[in-house]
Amino acid sequence: MEDQRISKRDAPAGEGRLAAGLWLAATPIGAAGDVTLRTLDALARADAIAAEDTRTALKLMTLHGVARGGRPMIAYHDHNGEAARPGILARIAAGESVVYVSEAGTPLIADPGFKLAAEAAARGLPVFSLPGASALLAALAVAGLPTDRFMFAGFPPPKQAARRAALAELAAVPATLVFYESPRRLAASLADMAAVLGGARGAAVCRELTKKFEETRRGTLESLAADYAGTEPRGEIVVVVGPPGPAEASEAKLDDALRAALREMGVRDAAASVSAALGLPRRRVYARALELAGAA
């Protein structure tokens, strides 16, 4: 049964200050209405607000009627993280509540907030999550591919050699893969995915999720690579790749199995037995059995 208990941290808006700690607040990835009431409440009651882009955070607050009220707005991003982190952590250690919002989506997912949250946790400071919009989960929901097991692989490396090497490490992962990619590298990435992961694997390219021109194209990696070849679509991109199919037996494994079977039975029966055991097409196995029997 679902736990119906409500934490004191979930007190209605306006009931005093937010509990001390680092609050990781998800923000919309396109549709402004996707922000949660709990996040707006936290933004209204926090002692300070840290943001990857303070202008975007202020715009969101203004749109939903959350006043800044003279509270500190602290920029925290890839370029100033080392310098800004100690001050934010000092505030929390002193008993303040700091809400951190990324540019869009859920903090720490391909986001500079990771080191901030990790160091806060390492110091024993309270860290809370305010869940909400996520491009990763939104793409999984609409891709039409298995969701029971998935792996978020972030942004593929920008250079082809490094990208292909990274993809090769993921080729055998028995799960749906999710990547973020920039529009200008999408065509090259899809071509490399088709070459390294296998062109027949099911995939989806999800663009501008929750926005006016949202689009999801589904197909194989090979067909999607062809669709986007020479193009540079606009907007934010998520690529979802289905898990690998049953691995085909190597030629050596097939030959070993056939030789063993041929010692006990005729060509037709040996081919039928090995085909069933390895999950390979009977015609292919029978043709190879004939070759081996003829050579013997």
Foldseek 3Di string as FASTA:
>chain_A
DDDPDDDPQQDDAPPAAHWFFEEWAAQAPADLVQGDPSRLSNQQRFQEEEECDLVLVVVSNVVVVRDPVPHYYHHDADVCPVPRLVVVLVCSVVTGYYYYYYNHGTPPQLGPCPVSVVVCVVVVGDYHYHHTGHPQVLCVVPQPADDPFEDEPEAADQDDVSNLVVLLVVLQPQFKYKYWYALVCVLVNLVSCCVRNNQQWKKKKWFPPPHPPTDIDIDGSNVVSVVCVPHRDDGTIMMITHGDDPDADDPVVLVVQLVVLVVPDPLLVSLVVSCVVRVHDSVVSSVVSVVVVVVD
